[in-house]
mmCIF file of all heavy atoms, coordinates in Angstrom:
data_MODEL
# 
_entry.id   MODEL 
# 
loop_
_atom_site.group_PDB 
_atom_site.id 
_atom_site.type_symbol 
_atom_site.label_atom_id 
_atom_site.label_alt_id 
_atom_site.label_comp_id 
_atom_site.label_asym_id 
_atom_site.label_entity_id 
_atom_site.label_seq_id 
_atom_site.pdbx_PDB_ins_code 
_atom_site.Cartn_x 
_atom_site.Cartn_y 
_atom_site.Cartn_z 
_atom_site.occupancy 
_atom_site.B_iso_or_equiv 
_atom_site.pdbx_formal_charge 
_atom_site.auth_seq_id 
_atom_site.auth_comp_id 
_atom_site.auth_asym_id 
_atom_site.auth_atom_id 
_atom_site.pdbx_PDB_model_num 
ATOM 1   N N   . GLN A 1 1  ? -10.325 -13.136 -3.060 1.00 0.00 ? 1  GLN A N   1 
ATOM 2   C CA  . GLN A 1 1  ? -8.946  -13.499 -3.397 1.00 0.00 ? 1  GLN A CA  1 
ATOM 3   C C   . GLN A 1 1  ? -8.049  -12.286 -3.394 1.00 0.00 ? 1  GLN A C   1 
ATOM 4   O O   . GLN A 1 1  ? -6.946  -12.301 -2.841 1.00 0.00 ? 1  GLN A O   1 
ATOM 5   C CB  . GLN A 1 1  ? -8.884  -14.209 -4.734 1.00 0.00 ? 1  GLN A CB  1 
ATOM 6   C CG  . GLN A 1 1  ? -9.577  -15.576 -4.742 1.00 0.00 ? 1  GLN A CG  1 
ATOM 7   C CD  . GLN A 1 1  ? -9.514  -16.239 -6.156 1.00 0.00 ? 1  GLN A CD  1 
ATOM 8   O OE1 . GLN A 1 1  ? -8.577  -16.031 -6.910 1.00 0.00 ? 1  GLN A OE1 1 
ATOM 9   N NE2 . GLN A 1 1  ? -10.494 -17.030 -6.460 1.00 0.00 ? 1  GLN A NE2 1 
ATOM 10  N N   . MET A 1 2  ? -8.498  -11.224 -4.041 1.00 0.00 ? 2  MET A N   1 
ATOM 11  C CA  . MET A 1 2  ? -7.682  -10.005 -4.155 1.00 0.00 ? 2  MET A CA  1 
ATOM 12  C C   . MET A 1 2  ? -7.505  -9.298  -2.776 1.00 0.00 ? 2  MET A C   1 
ATOM 13  O O   . MET A 1 2  ? -6.386  -8.987  -2.396 1.00 0.00 ? 2  MET A O   1 
ATOM 14  C CB  . MET A 1 2  ? -8.327  -9.062  -5.145 1.00 0.00 ? 2  MET A CB  1 
ATOM 15  C CG  . MET A 1 2  ? -7.564  -7.734  -5.341 1.00 0.00 ? 2  MET A CG  1 
ATOM 16  S SD  . MET A 1 2  ? -5.877  -8.023  -6.005 1.00 0.00 ? 2  MET A SD  1 
ATOM 17  C CE  . MET A 1 2  ? -6.309  -8.598  -7.647 1.00 0.00 ? 2  MET A CE  1 
ATOM 18  N N   . GLN A 1 3  ? -8.608  -9.109  -2.043 1.00 0.00 ? 3  GLN A N   1 
ATOM 19  C CA  . GLN A 1 3  ? -8.506  -8.413  -0.781 1.00 0.00 ? 3  GLN A CA  1 
ATOM 20  C C   . GLN A 1 3  ? -7.719  -9.234  0.240  1.00 0.00 ? 3  GLN A C   1 
ATOM 21  O O   . GLN A 1 3  ? -6.962  -8.672  1.022  1.00 0.00 ? 3  GLN A O   1 
ATOM 22  C CB  . GLN A 1 3  ? -9.913  -8.103  -0.233 1.00 0.00 ? 3  GLN A CB  1 
ATOM 23  C CG  . GLN A 1 3  ? -10.627 -7.025  -1.061 1.00 0.00 ? 3  GLN A CG  1 
ATOM 24  C CD  . GLN A 1 3  ? -11.961 -6.639  -0.426 1.00 0.00 ? 3  GLN A CD  1 
ATOM 25  O OE1 . GLN A 1 3  ? -12.434 -7.281  0.506  1.00 0.00 ? 3  GLN A OE1 1 
ATOM 26  N NE2 . GLN A 1 3  ? -12.519 -5.548  -0.919 1.00 0.00 ? 3  GLN A NE2 1 
ATOM 27  N N   . SER A 1 4  ? -7.899  -10.548 0.240  1.00 0.00 ? 4  SER A N   1 
ATOM 28  C CA  . SER A 1 4  ? -7.172  -11.401 1.203  1.00 0.00 ? 4  SER A CA  1 
ATOM 29  C C   . SER A 1 4  ? -5.675  -11.376 0.941  1.00 0.00 ? 4  SER A C   1 
ATOM 30  O O   . SER A 1 4  ? -4.857  -11.458 1.870  1.00 0.00 ? 4  SER A O   1 
ATOM 31  C CB  . SER A 1 4  ? -7.699  -12.822 1.170  1.00 0.00 ? 4  SER A CB  1 
ATOM 32  O OG  . SER A 1 4  ? -7.467  -13.446 -0.091 1.00 0.00 ? 4  SER A OG  1 
ATOM 33  N N   . LYS A 1 5  ? -5.288  -11.261 -0.331 1.00 0.00 ? 5  LYS A N   1 
ATOM 34  C CA  . LYS A 1 5  ? -3.852  -11.205 -0.656 1.00 0.00 ? 5  LYS A CA  1 
ATOM 35  C C   . LYS A 1 5  ? -3.188  -10.020 0.021  1.00 0.00 ? 5  LYS A C   1 
ATOM 36  O O   . LYS A 1 5  ? -2.114  -10.158 0.652  1.00 0.00 ? 5  LYS A O   1 
ATOM 37  C CB  . LYS A 1 5  ? -3.699  -11.147 -2.182 1.00 0.00 ? 5  LYS A CB  1 
ATOM 38  C CG  . LYS A 1 5  ? -2.238  -10.939 -2.628 1.00 0.00 ? 5  LYS A CG  1 
ATOM 39  C CD  . LYS A 1 5  ? -2.088  -10.996 -4.158 1.00 0.00 ? 5  LYS A CD  1 
ATOM 40  C CE  . LYS A 1 5  ? -2.755  -9.779  -4.801 1.00 0.00 ? 5  LYS A CE  1 
ATOM 41  N NZ  . LYS A 1 5  ? -2.482  -9.759  -6.282 1.00 0.00 ? 5  LYS A NZ  1 
ATOM 42  N N   . PHE A 1 6  ? -3.775  -8.818  -0.139 1.00 0.00 ? 6  PHE A N   1 
ATOM 43  C CA  . PHE A 1 6  ? -3.203  -7.599  0.417  1.00 0.00 ? 6  PHE A CA  1 
ATOM 44  C C   . PHE A 1 6  ? -3.310  -7.620  1.962  1.00 0.00 ? 6  PHE A C   1 
ATOM 45  O O   . PHE A 1 6  ? -2.390  -7.103  2.645  1.00 0.00 ? 6  PHE A O   1 
ATOM 46  C CB  . PHE A 1 6  ? -3.828  -6.355  -0.154 1.00 0.00 ? 6  PHE A CB  1 
ATOM 47  C CG  . PHE A 1 6  ? -3.487  -6.185  -1.634 1.00 0.00 ? 6  PHE A CG  1 
ATOM 48  C CD1 . PHE A 1 6  ? -4.405  -6.389  -2.618 1.00 0.00 ? 6  PHE A CD1 1 
ATOM 49  C CD2 . PHE A 1 6  ? -2.173  -5.860  -2.006 1.00 0.00 ? 6  PHE A CD2 1 
ATOM 50  C CE1 . PHE A 1 6  ? -4.089  -6.208  -3.955 1.00 0.00 ? 6  PHE A CE1 1 
ATOM 51  C CE2 . PHE A 1 6  ? -1.846  -5.699  -3.346 1.00 0.00 ? 6  PHE A CE2 1 
ATOM 52  C CZ  . PHE A 1 6  ? -2.814  -5.888  -4.349 1.00 0.00 ? 6  PHE A CZ  1 
ATOM 53  N N   . LEU A 1 7  ? -4.418  -8.165  2.473  1.00 0.00 ? 7  LEU A N   1 
ATOM 54  C CA  . LEU A 1 7  ? -4.533  -8.232  3.930  1.00 0.00 ? 7  LEU A CA  1 
ATOM 55  C C   . LEU A 1 7  ? -3.489  -9.128  4.544  1.00 0.00 ? 7  LEU A C   1 
ATOM 56  O O   . LEU A 1 7  ? -2.838  -8.762  5.548  1.00 0.00 ? 7  LEU A O   1 
ATOM 57  C CB  . LEU A 1 7  ? -5.922  -8.734  4.291  1.00 0.00 ? 7  LEU A CB  1 
ATOM 58  C CG  . LEU A 1 7  ? -6.206  -8.963  5.792  1.00 0.00 ? 7  LEU A CG  1 
ATOM 59  C CD1 . LEU A 1 7  ? -6.000  -7.664  6.584  1.00 0.00 ? 7  LEU A CD1 1 
ATOM 60  C CD2 . LEU A 1 7  ? -7.624  -9.541  6.007  1.00 0.00 ? 7  LEU A CD2 1 
ATOM 61  N N   . MET A 1 8  ? -3.275  -10.329 3.981  1.00 0.00 ? 8  MET A N   1 
ATOM 62  C CA  . MET A 1 8  ? -2.311  -11.257 4.546  1.00 0.00 ? 8  MET A CA  1 
ATOM 63  C C   . MET A 1 8  ? -0.873  -10.694 4.379  1.00 0.00 ? 8  MET A C   1 
ATOM 64  O O   . MET A 1 8  ? -0.048  -10.909 5.260  1.00 0.00 ? 8  MET A O   1 
ATOM 65  C CB  . MET A 1 8  ? -2.434  -12.613 3.922  1.00 0.00 ? 8  MET A CB  1 
ATOM 66  C CG  . MET A 1 8  ? -3.746  -13.339 4.256  1.00 0.00 ? 8  MET A CG  1 
ATOM 67  S SD  . MET A 1 8  ? -4.096  -13.411 6.024  1.00 0.00 ? 8  MET A SD  1 
ATOM 68  C CE  . MET A 1 8  ? -2.624  -14.252 6.650  1.00 0.00 ? 8  MET A CE  1 
ATOM 69  N N   . ARG A 1 9  ? -0.617  -9.995  3.319  1.00 0.00 ? 9  ARG A N   1 
ATOM 70  C CA  . ARG A 1 9  ? 0.689   -9.400  3.148  1.00 0.00 ? 9  ARG A CA  1 
ATOM 71  C C   . ARG A 1 9  ? 0.954   -8.394  4.262  1.00 0.00 ? 9  ARG A C   1 
ATOM 72  O O   . ARG A 1 9  ? 2.063   -8.324  4.818  1.00 0.00 ? 9  ARG A O   1 
ATOM 73  C CB  . ARG A 1 9  ? 0.755   -8.708  1.784  1.00 0.00 ? 9  ARG A CB  1 
ATOM 74  C CG  . ARG A 1 9  ? 2.181   -8.295  1.358  1.00 0.00 ? 9  ARG A CG  1 
ATOM 75  C CD  . ARG A 1 9  ? 2.180   -7.675  -0.024 1.00 0.00 ? 9  ARG A CD  1 
ATOM 76  N NE  . ARG A 1 9  ? 1.718   -8.608  -1.048 1.00 0.00 ? 9  ARG A NE  1 
ATOM 77  C CZ  . ARG A 1 9  ? 1.544   -8.289  -2.302 1.00 0.00 ? 9  ARG A CZ  1 
ATOM 78  N NH1 . ARG A 1 9  ? 1.793   -7.047  -2.707 1.00 0.00 ? 9  ARG A NH1 1 
ATOM 79  N NH2 . ARG A 1 9  ? 1.126   -9.176  -3.180 1.00 0.00 ? 9  ARG A NH2 1 
ATOM 80  N N   . PHE A 1 10 ? -0.064  -7.586  4.595  1.00 0.00 ? 10 PHE A N   1 
ATOM 81  C CA  . PHE A 1 10 ? 0.035   -6.581  5.672  1.00 0.00 ? 10 PHE A CA  1 
ATOM 82  C C   . PHE A 1 10 ? 0.229   -7.291  7.037  1.00 0.00 ? 10 PHE A C   1 
ATOM 83  O O   . PHE A 1 10 ? 1.125   -6.869  7.807  1.00 0.00 ? 10 PHE A O   1 
ATOM 84  C CB  . PHE A 1 10 ? -1.190  -5.740  5.664  1.00 0.00 ? 10 PHE A CB  1 
ATOM 85  C CG  . PHE A 1 10 ? -1.410  -4.941  6.910  1.00 0.00 ? 10 PHE A CG  1 
ATOM 86  C CD1 . PHE A 1 10 ? -0.597  -3.848  7.243  1.00 0.00 ? 10 PHE A CD1 1 
ATOM 87  C CD2 . PHE A 1 10 ? -2.440  -5.254  7.805  1.00 0.00 ? 10 PHE A CD2 1 
ATOM 88  C CE1 . PHE A 1 10 ? -0.821  -3.143  8.424  1.00 0.00 ? 10 PHE A CE1 1 
ATOM 89  C CE2 . PHE A 1 10 ? -2.657  -4.579  8.969  1.00 0.00 ? 10 PHE A CE2 1 
ATOM 90  C CZ  . PHE A 1 10 ? -1.812  -3.489  9.268  1.00 0.00 ? 10 PHE A CZ  1 
ATOM 91  N N   . LEU A 1 11 ? -0.588  -8.264  7.319  1.00 0.00 ? 11 LEU A N   1 
ATOM 92  C CA  . LEU A 1 11 ? -0.502  -8.945  8.632  1.00 0.00 ? 11 LEU A CA  1 
ATOM 93  C C   . LEU A 1 11 ? 0.846   -9.684  8.812  1.00 0.00 ? 11 LEU A C   1 
ATOM 94  O O   . LEU A 1 11 ? 1.465   -9.613  9.870  1.00 0.00 ? 11 LEU A O   1 
ATOM 95  C CB  . LEU A 1 11 ? -1.652  -9.933  8.789  1.00 0.00 ? 11 LEU A CB  1 
ATOM 96  C CG  . LEU A 1 11 ? -3.052  -9.294  8.871  1.00 0.00 ? 11 LEU A CG  1 
ATOM 97  C CD1 . LEU A 1 11 ? -4.128  -10.383 8.922  1.00 0.00 ? 11 LEU A CD1 1 
ATOM 98  C CD2 . LEU A 1 11 ? -3.169  -8.357  10.034 1.00 0.00 ? 11 LEU A CD2 1 
ATOM 99  N N   . LEU A 1 12 ? 1.300   -10.350 7.770  1.00 0.00 ? 12 LEU A N   1 
ATOM 100 C CA  . LEU A 1 12 ? 2.565   -11.071 7.902  1.00 0.00 ? 12 LEU A CA  1 
ATOM 101 C C   . LEU A 1 12 ? 3.729   -10.089 8.106  1.00 0.00 ? 12 LEU A C   1 
ATOM 102 O O   . LEU A 1 12 ? 4.623   -10.338 8.903  1.00 0.00 ? 12 LEU A O   1 
ATOM 103 C CB  . LEU A 1 12 ? 2.812   -11.919 6.652  1.00 0.00 ? 12 LEU A CB  1 
ATOM 104 C CG  . LEU A 1 12 ? 1.959   -13.181 6.519  1.00 0.00 ? 12 LEU A CG  1 
ATOM 105 C CD1 . LEU A 1 12 ? 2.081   -13.786 5.146  1.00 0.00 ? 12 LEU A CD1 1 
ATOM 106 C CD2 . LEU A 1 12 ? 2.316   -14.198 7.567  1.00 0.00 ? 12 LEU A CD2 1 
ATOM 107 N N   . ALA A 1 13 ? 3.680   -8.982  7.369  1.00 0.00 ? 13 ALA A N   1 
ATOM 108 C CA  . ALA A 1 13 ? 4.778   -7.991  7.551  1.00 0.00 ? 13 ALA A CA  1 
ATOM 109 C C   . ALA A 1 13 ? 4.821   -7.464  8.997  1.00 0.00 ? 13 ALA A C   1 
ATOM 110 O O   . ALA A 1 13 ? 5.879   -7.294  9.563  1.00 0.00 ? 13 ALA A O   1 
ATOM 111 C CB  . ALA A 1 13 ? 4.539   -6.795  6.585  1.00 0.00 ? 13 ALA A CB  1 
ATOM 112 N N   . HIS A 1 14 ? 3.645   -7.276  9.589  1.00 0.00 ? 14 HIS A N   1 
ATOM 113 C CA  . HIS A 1 14 ? 3.615   -6.820  10.998 1.00 0.00 ? 14 HIS A CA  1 
ATOM 114 C C   . HIS A 1 14 ? 4.227   -7.874  11.908 1.00 0.00 ? 14 HIS A C   1 
ATOM 115 O O   . HIS A 1 14 ? 5.081   -7.550  12.765 1.00 0.00 ? 14 HIS A O   1 
ATOM 116 C CB  . HIS A 1 14 ? 2.191   -6.539  11.408 1.00 0.00 ? 14 HIS A CB  1 
ATOM 117 C CG  . HIS A 1 14 ? 2.021   -6.227  12.874 1.00 0.00 ? 14 HIS A CG  1 
ATOM 118 N ND1 . HIS A 1 14 ? 2.262   -4.966  13.405 1.00 0.00 ? 14 HIS A ND1 1 
ATOM 119 C CD2 . HIS A 1 14 ? 1.725   -7.015  13.944 1.00 0.00 ? 14 HIS A CD2 1 
ATOM 120 C CE1 . HIS A 1 14 ? 2.079   -5.012  14.717 1.00 0.00 ? 14 HIS A CE1 1 
ATOM 121 N NE2 . HIS A 1 14 ? 1.768   -6.284  15.051 1.00 0.00 ? 14 HIS A NE2 1 
ATOM 122 N N   . HIS A 1 15 ? 3.774   -9.105  11.768 1.00 0.00 ? 15 HIS A N   1 
ATOM 123 C CA  . HIS A 1 15 ? 4.221   -10.147 12.706 1.00 0.00 ? 15 HIS A CA  1 
ATOM 124 C C   . HIS A 1 15 ? 5.678   -10.595 12.476 1.00 0.00 ? 15 HIS A C   1 
ATOM 125 O O   . HIS A 1 15 ? 6.295   -11.204 13.333 1.00 0.00 ? 15 HIS A O   1 
ATOM 126 C CB  . HIS A 1 15 ? 3.248   -11.335 12.663 1.00 0.00 ? 15 HIS A CB  1 
ATOM 127 C CG  . HIS A 1 15 ? 1.897   -11.009 13.198 1.00 0.00 ? 15 HIS A CG  1 
ATOM 128 N ND1 . HIS A 1 15 ? 1.717   -10.595 14.474 1.00 0.00 ? 15 HIS A ND1 1 
ATOM 129 C CD2 . HIS A 1 15 ? 0.694   -11.020 12.582 1.00 0.00 ? 15 HIS A CD2 1 
ATOM 130 C CE1 . HIS A 1 15 ? 0.418   -10.345 14.683 1.00 0.00 ? 15 HIS A CE1 1 
ATOM 131 N NE2 . HIS A 1 15 ? -0.220  -10.592 13.556 1.00 0.00 ? 15 HIS A NE2 1 
ATOM 132 N N   . LEU A 1 16 ? 6.205   -10.286 11.271 1.00 0.00 ? 16 LEU A N   1 
ATOM 133 C CA  . LEU A 1 16 ? 7.607   -10.520 11.050 1.00 0.00 ? 16 LEU A CA  1 
ATOM 134 C C   . LEU A 1 16 ? 8.528   -9.412  11.543 1.00 0.00 ? 16 LEU A C   1 
ATOM 135 O O   . LEU A 1 16 ? 9.740   -9.522  11.466 1.00 0.00 ? 16 LEU A O   1 
ATOM 136 C CB  . LEU A 1 16 ? 7.838   -10.745 9.536  1.00 0.00 ? 16 LEU A CB  1 
ATOM 137 C CG  . LEU A 1 16 ? 7.359   -12.058 8.961  1.00 0.00 ? 16 LEU A CG  1 
ATOM 138 C CD1 . LEU A 1 16 ? 7.246   -12.010 7.418  1.00 0.00 ? 16 LEU A CD1 1 
ATOM 139 C CD2 . LEU A 1 16 ? 8.321   -13.152 9.361  1.00 0.00 ? 16 LEU A CD2 1 
ATOM 140 N N   . GLY A 1 17 ? 7.895   -8.361  12.059 1.00 0.00 ? 17 GLY A N   1 
ATOM 141 C CA  . GLY A 1 17 ? 8.645   -7.247  12.617 1.00 0.00 ? 17 GLY A CA  1 
ATOM 142 C C   . GLY A 1 17 ? 9.543   -6.532  11.584 1.00 0.00 ? 17 GLY A C   1 
ATOM 143 O O   . GLY A 1 17 ? 10.616  -6.018  11.927 1.00 0.00 ? 17 GLY A O   1 
ATOM 144 N N   . GLY A 1 18 ? 9.088   -6.501  10.382 1.00 0.00 ? 18 GLY A N   1 
ATOM 145 C CA  . GLY A 1 18 ? 9.817   -5.807  9.322  1.00 0.00 ? 18 GLY A CA  1 
ATOM 146 C C   . GLY A 1 18 ? 10.822  -6.681  8.569  1.00 0.00 ? 18 GLY A C   1 
ATOM 147 O O   . GLY A 1 18 ? 11.440  -6.221  7.608  1.00 0.00 ? 18 GLY A O   1 
ATOM 148 N N   . ALA A 1 19 ? 11.025  -7.919  9.033  1.00 0.00 ? 19 ALA A N   1 
ATOM 149 C CA  . ALA A 1 19 ? 11.951  -8.809  8.331  1.00 0.00 ? 19 ALA A CA  1 
ATOM 150 C C   . ALA A 1 19 ? 11.388  -9.143  6.958  1.00 0.00 ? 19 ALA A C   1 
ATOM 151 O O   . ALA A 1 19 ? 10.217  -9.527  6.817  1.00 0.00 ? 19 ALA A O   1 
ATOM 152 C CB  . ALA A 1 19 ? 12.187  -10.090 9.138  1.00 0.00 ? 19 ALA A CB  1 
ATOM 153 N N   . PRO A 1 20 ? 12.184  -9.034  5.902  1.00 0.00 ? 20 PRO A N   1 
ATOM 154 C CA  . PRO A 1 20 ? 11.667  -9.312  4.578  1.00 0.00 ? 20 PRO A CA  1 
ATOM 155 C C   . PRO A 1 20 ? 11.442  -10.794 4.329  1.00 0.00 ? 20 PRO A C   1 
ATOM 156 O O   . PRO A 1 20 ? 12.132  -11.636 4.885  1.00 0.00 ? 20 PRO A O   1 
ATOM 157 C CB  . PRO A 1 20 ? 12.776  -8.775  3.629  1.00 0.00 ? 20 PRO A CB  1 
ATOM 158 C CG  . PRO A 1 20 ? 14.031  -8.921  4.453  1.00 0.00 ? 20 PRO A CG  1 
ATOM 159 C CD  . PRO A 1 20 ? 13.623  -8.661  5.881  1.00 0.00 ? 20 PRO A CD  1 
ATOM 160 N N   . LEU A 1 21 ? 10.451  -11.083 3.490  1.00 0.00 ? 21 LEU A N   1 
ATOM 161 C CA  . LEU A 1 21 ? 10.227  -12.434 3.019  1.00 0.00 ? 21 LEU A CA  1 
ATOM 162 C C   . LEU A 1 21 ? 10.762  -12.516 1.624  1.00 0.00 ? 21 LEU A C   1 
ATOM 163 O O   . LEU A 1 21 ? 10.094  -12.086 0.674  1.00 0.00 ? 21 LEU A O   1 
ATOM 164 C CB  . LEU A 1 21 ? 8.745   -12.793 3.080  1.00 0.00 ? 21 LEU A CB  1 
ATOM 165 C CG  . LEU A 1 21 ? 8.169   -13.219 4.410  1.00 0.00 ? 21 LEU A CG  1 
ATOM 166 C CD1 . LEU A 1 21 ? 6.641   -13.294 4.355  1.00 0.00 ? 21 LEU A CD1 1 
ATOM 167 C CD2 . LEU A 1 21 ? 8.763   -14.562 4.847  1.00 0.00 ? 21 LEU A CD2 1 
ATOM 168 N N   . ASN A 1 22 ? 11.930  -13.033 1.455  1.00 0.00 ? 22 ASN A N   1 
ATOM 169 C CA  . ASN A 1 22 ? 12.580  -13.022 0.181  1.00 0.00 ? 22 ASN A CA  1 
ATOM 170 C C   . ASN A 1 22 ? 11.865  -13.871 -0.880 1.00 0.00 ? 22 ASN A C   1 
ATOM 171 O O   . ASN A 1 22 ? 11.759  -13.462 -2.026 1.00 0.00 ? 22 ASN A O   1 
ATOM 172 C CB  . ASN A 1 22 ? 14.022  -13.498 0.331  1.00 0.00 ? 22 ASN A CB  1 
ATOM 173 C CG  . ASN A 1 22 ? 14.811  -12.606 1.269  1.00 0.00 ? 22 ASN A CG  1 
ATOM 174 O OD1 . ASN A 1 22 ? 14.800  -11.413 1.149  1.00 0.00 ? 22 ASN A OD1 1 
ATOM 175 N ND2 . ASN A 1 22 ? 15.426  -13.235 2.267  1.00 0.00 ? 22 ASN A ND2 1 
ATOM 176 N N   . THR A 1 23 ? 11.381  -15.032 -0.469 1.00 0.00 ? 23 THR A N   1 
ATOM 177 C CA  . THR A 1 23 ? 10.691  -15.850 -1.455 1.00 0.00 ? 23 THR A CA  1 
ATOM 178 C C   . THR A 1 23 ? 9.363   -15.227 -1.866 1.00 0.00 ? 23 THR A C   1 
ATOM 179 O O   . THR A 1 23 ? 8.915   -15.378 -2.996 1.00 0.00 ? 23 THR A O   1 
ATOM 180 C CB  . THR A 1 23 ? 10.447  -17.263 -0.914 1.00 0.00 ? 23 THR A CB  1 
ATOM 181 O OG1 . THR A 1 23 ? 9.957   -17.155 0.445  1.00 0.00 ? 23 THR A OG1 1 
ATOM 182 C CG2 . THR A 1 23 ? 11.707  -18.089 -0.873 1.00 0.00 ? 23 THR A CG2 1 
ATOM 183 N N   . ARG A 1 24 ? 8.711   -14.494 -0.978 1.00 0.00 ? 24 ARG A N   1 
ATOM 184 C CA  . ARG A 1 24 ? 7.467   -13.812 -1.392 1.00 0.00 ? 24 ARG A CA  1 
ATOM 185 C C   . ARG A 1 24 ? 7.745   -12.793 -2.464 1.00 0.00 ? 24 ARG A C   1 
ATOM 186 O O   . ARG A 1 24 ? 6.977   -12.673 -3.429 1.00 0.00 ? 24 ARG A O   1 
ATOM 187 C CB  . ARG A 1 24 ? 6.803   -13.131 -0.196 1.00 0.00 ? 24 ARG A CB  1 
ATOM 188 C CG  . ARG A 1 24 ? 5.558   -12.315 -0.616 1.00 0.00 ? 24 ARG A CG  1 
ATOM 189 C CD  . ARG A 1 24 ? 4.869   -11.670 0.545  1.00 0.00 ? 24 ARG A CD  1 
ATOM 190 N NE  . ARG A 1 24 ? 3.848   -12.500 1.079  1.00 0.00 ? 24 ARG A NE  1 
ATOM 191 C CZ  . ARG A 1 24 ? 2.642   -12.690 0.518  1.00 0.00 ? 24 ARG A CZ  1 
ATOM 192 N NH1 . ARG A 1 24 ? 2.390   -12.142 -0.640 1.00 0.00 ? 24 ARG A NH1 1 
ATOM 193 N NH2 . ARG A 1 24 ? 1.732   -13.432 1.088  1.00 0.00 ? 24 ARG A NH2 1 
ATOM 194 N N   . GLN A 1 25 ? 8.850   -12.063 -2.332 1.00 0.00 ? 25 GLN A N   1 
ATOM 195 C CA  . GLN A 1 25 ? 9.161   -11.045 -3.350 1.00 0.00 ? 25 GLN A CA  1 
ATOM 196 C C   . GLN A 1 25 ? 9.409   -11.710 -4.715 1.00 0.00 ? 25 GLN A C   1 
ATOM 197 O O   . GLN A 1 25 ? 9.009   -11.215 -5.735 1.00 0.00 ? 25 GLN A O   1 
ATOM 198 C CB  . GLN A 1 25 ? 10.386  -10.260 -2.935 1.00 0.00 ? 25 GLN A CB  1 
ATOM 199 C CG  . GLN A 1 25 ? 10.651  -9.074  -3.826 1.00 0.00 ? 25 GLN A CG  1 
ATOM 200 C CD  . GLN A 1 25 ? 9.485   -8.143  -3.969 1.00 0.00 ? 25 GLN A CD  1 
ATOM 201 O OE1 . GLN A 1 25 ? 8.930   -7.692  -2.944 1.00 0.00 ? 25 GLN A OE1 1 
ATOM 202 N NE2 . GLN A 1 25 ? 9.030   -7.872  -5.180 1.00 0.00 ? 25 GLN A NE2 1 
ATOM 203 N N   . ILE A 1 26 ? 10.055  -12.911 -4.668 1.00 0.00 ? 26 ILE A N   1 
ATOM 204 C CA  . ILE A 1 26 ? 10.272  -13.615 -5.913 1.00 0.00 ? 26 ILE A CA  1 
ATOM 205 C C   . ILE A 1 26 ? 8.884   -14.013 -6.510 1.00 0.00 ? 26 ILE A C   1 
ATOM 206 O O   . ILE A 1 26 ? 8.670   -13.913 -7.707 1.00 0.00 ? 26 ILE A O   1 
ATOM 207 C CB  . ILE A 1 26 ? 11.149  -14.883 -5.720 1.00 0.00 ? 26 ILE A CB  1 
ATOM 208 C CG1 . ILE A 1 26 ? 12.542  -14.441 -5.234 1.00 0.00 ? 26 ILE A CG1 1 
ATOM 209 C CG2 . ILE A 1 26 ? 11.260  -15.674 -6.998 1.00 0.00 ? 26 ILE A CG2 1 
ATOM 210 C CD1 . ILE A 1 26 ? 13.398  -15.626 -4.770 1.00 0.00 ? 26 ILE A CD1 1 
ATOM 211 N N   . LEU A 1 27 ? 8.019   -14.495 -5.667 1.00 0.00 ? 27 LEU A N   1 
ATOM 212 C CA  . LEU A 1 27 ? 6.663   -14.876 -6.110 1.00 0.00 ? 27 LEU A CA  1 
ATOM 213 C C   . LEU A 1 27 ? 5.927   -13.683 -6.672 1.00 0.00 ? 27 LEU A C   1 
ATOM 214 O O   . LEU A 1 27 ? 5.224   -13.780 -7.721 1.00 0.00 ? 27 LEU A O   1 
ATOM 215 C CB  . LEU A 1 27 ? 5.874   -15.498 -4.959 1.00 0.00 ? 27 LEU A CB  1 
ATOM 216 C CG  . LEU A 1 27 ? 6.250   -16.918 -4.554 1.00 0.00 ? 27 LEU A CG  1 
ATOM 217 C CD1 . LEU A 1 27 ? 5.570   -17.270 -3.219 1.00 0.00 ? 27 LEU A CD1 1 
ATOM 218 C CD2 . LEU A 1 27 ? 5.792   -17.924 -5.629 1.00 0.00 ? 27 LEU A CD2 1 
ATOM 219 N N   . ILE A 1 28 ? 6.003   -12.560 -6.006 1.00 0.00 ? 28 ILE A N   1 
ATOM 220 C CA  . ILE A 1 28 ? 5.317   -11.356 -6.493 1.00 0.00 ? 28 ILE A CA  1 
ATOM 221 C C   . ILE A 1 28 ? 5.846   -10.970 -7.869 1.00 0.00 ? 28 ILE A C   1 
ATOM 222 O O   . ILE A 1 28 ? 5.116   -10.671 -8.794 1.00 0.00 ? 28 ILE A O   1 
ATOM 223 C CB  . ILE A 1 28 ? 5.523   -10.170 -5.481 1.00 0.00 ? 28 ILE A CB  1 
ATOM 224 C CG1 . ILE A 1 28 ? 4.719   -10.485 -4.214 1.00 0.00 ? 28 ILE A CG1 1 
ATOM 225 C CG2 . ILE A 1 28 ? 5.061   -8.850  -6.128 1.00 0.00 ? 28 ILE A CG2 1 
ATOM 226 C CD1 . ILE A 1 28 ? 4.995   -9.488  -3.118 1.00 0.00 ? 28 ILE A CD1 1 
# 
């Protein structure tokens, strides 16, 4: 659970091309 959280955060950031995910930041 812990490792997958940081891995998916990294992969999504790459595929979003640097565009922020505003709702993710609220969740964090």
